[in-house]
């Protein structure tokens, strides 16, 4: 993945389904490849668009939402900045809620 510290993305296949995980990363072809193979994706969306620029080492929530829609993959946005409220992130990706949700502690997601 593209991050200042070595990070890995993975796909895990089981029973005909694929769980994808981007790890910490900027938007790259590797992220796209993981997304298009996945049945369910957990993706690093650390920033709101207002705080994002191409020099950041993570994707924005809206970038993750657009990937989810492009590949029609159910996605959980993870690694959200500590300074953002869930409502802020949800509001930013409001047009993509058929594909994405914001990660919440103690939540179980079915793949």
Protein backbone atom coordinates (compact mmCIF):
# COMPACT_ATOMS: atom_id res chain seq x y z
CA UNK A 1 0.00 0.00 0.00
CA UNK A 2 1.09 3.63 -0.29
CA UNK A 3 1.87 4.84 3.23
CA UNK A 4 5.03 6.24 4.90
CA UNK A 5 5.18 3.16 7.16
CA UNK A 6 4.98 -0.28 5.57
CA UNK A 7 1.33 -1.34 5.41
CA UNK A 8 -0.42 -4.18 3.65
CA UNK A 9 -3.81 -4.67 2.13
CA UNK A 10 -5.32 -8.14 2.08
CA UNK A 11 -8.16 -10.18 0.68
CA UNK A 12 -9.50 -13.19 2.53
CA UNK A 13 -11.58 -15.69 0.59
CA UNK A 14 -14.04 -18.09 2.21
CA UNK A 15 -17.22 -19.80 1.06
CA UNK A 16 -17.32 -17.86 -2.20
CA UNK A 17 -17.04 -14.45 -0.51
CA UNK A 18 -14.09 -12.08 -0.30
CA UNK A 19 -13.29 -9.73 2.58
CA UNK A 20 -11.00 -6.90 1.47
CA UNK A 21 -8.98 -4.71 3.79
CA UNK A 22 -6.94 -1.77 2.50
CA UNK A 23 -4.79 -1.13 5.54
CA UNK A 24 -3.43 2.42 5.74
CA UNK A 25 -3.04 3.77 2.24
CA UNK A 26 -3.49 6.55 -0.21
CA UNK A 27 -5.67 5.77 -3.20
CA UNK A 28 -3.69 3.46 -5.49
CA UNK A 29 -4.22 0.75 -8.09
CA UNK A 30 -3.70 -1.78 -5.27
CA UNK A 31 -6.64 -0.29 -3.37
CA UNK A 32 -8.75 -0.46 -6.53
CA UNK A 33 -7.72 -4.10 -7.12
CA UNK A 34 -8.70 -5.07 -3.58
CA UNK A 35 -12.06 -3.30 -3.93
CA UNK A 36 -13.00 -4.88 -7.23
CA UNK A 37 -12.30 -8.40 -5.90
CA UNK A 38 -14.21 -7.89 -2.65
CA UNK A 39 -17.67 -8.87 -1.53
CA UNK A 40 -17.18 -6.71 1.56
CA UNK A 41 -14.50 -4.02 2.00
CA UNK A 42 -12.98 -2.32 5.03
CA UNK A 43 -11.16 0.78 3.82
CA UNK A 44 -9.05 3.54 5.34
CA UNK A 45 -10.99 6.81 5.09
CA UNK A 46 -9.19 8.93 7.65
CA UNK A 47 -10.09 12.41 6.41
CA UNK A 48 -13.06 14.53 5.49
CA UNK A 49 -12.61 16.14 2.10
CA UNK A 50 -12.12 19.62 3.63
CA UNK A 51 -8.95 18.36 5.35
CA UNK A 52 -7.71 16.13 2.55
CA UNK A 53 -4.96 16.72 0.01
CA UNK A 54 -2.90 14.37 -2.16
CA UNK A 55 0.05 14.56 0.26
CA UNK A 56 -1.93 12.88 3.05
CA UNK A 57 -1.00 9.24 3.76
CA UNK A 58 -4.64 8.10 3.89
CA UNK A 59 -7.75 8.30 1.72
CA UNK A 60 -10.68 10.57 2.40
CA UNK A 61 -14.08 9.16 3.32
CA UNK A 62 -15.52 10.36 0.01
CA UNK A 63 -12.74 8.62 -1.95
CA UNK A 64 -13.66 5.37 -0.20
CA UNK A 65 -17.36 5.95 -0.90
CA UNK A 66 -16.70 6.51 -4.60
CA UNK A 67 -14.66 3.30 -4.81
CA UNK A 68 -17.46 1.40 -3.07
CA UNK A 69 -20.00 2.68 -5.57
CA UNK A 70 -17.71 2.10 -8.58
CA UNK A 71 -17.22 -1.57 -7.68
CA UNK A 72 -20.65 -2.01 -6.06
CA UNK A 73 -19.07 -3.40 -2.91
CA UNK A 74 -20.50 -3.01 0.59
CA UNK A 75 -17.87 -1.02 2.46
CA UNK A 76 -17.10 0.09 5.99
CA UNK A 77 -15.03 3.25 6.25
CA UNK A 78 -12.42 2.73 8.95
CA UNK A 79 -9.48 4.57 10.50
CA UNK A 80 -11.54 7.74 10.78
CA UNK A 81 -9.73 10.69 12.29
CA UNK A 82 -10.29 11.04 16.04
CA UNK A 83 -11.37 14.65 15.58
CA UNK A 84 -14.43 13.77 13.43
CA UNK A 85 -17.88 12.90 14.69
CA UNK A 86 -19.56 9.91 13.05
CA UNK A 87 -22.33 12.26 11.94
CA UNK A 88 -19.84 14.43 10.03
CA UNK A 89 -18.46 11.47 8.12
CA UNK A 90 -21.93 10.05 7.45
CA UNK A 91 -23.08 13.44 6.19
CA UNK A 92 -20.13 13.66 3.79
CA UNK A 93 -20.86 10.25 2.24
CA UNK A 94 -24.65 10.68 2.38
CA UNK A 95 -25.09 10.08 -1.37
CA UNK A 96 -23.29 6.72 -1.09
CA UNK A 97 -25.06 5.15 1.90
CA UNK A 98 -26.29 2.24 -0.25
CA UNK A 99 -22.64 1.18 -0.41
CA UNK A 100 -20.89 2.55 2.68
CA UNK A 101 -21.22 2.86 6.41
CA UNK A 102 -19.00 4.39 9.06
CA UNK A 103 -17.16 1.92 11.31
CA UNK A 104 -18.51 1.77 14.85
CA UNK A 105 -16.99 0.08 17.88
CA UNK A 106 -18.52 -3.21 18.98
CA UNK A 107 -20.41 -3.65 15.70
CA UNK A 108 -20.63 -6.98 13.90
CA UNK A 109 -20.71 -6.86 10.10
CA UNK A 110 -21.94 -9.79 8.05
CA UNK A 111 -19.95 -10.50 4.91
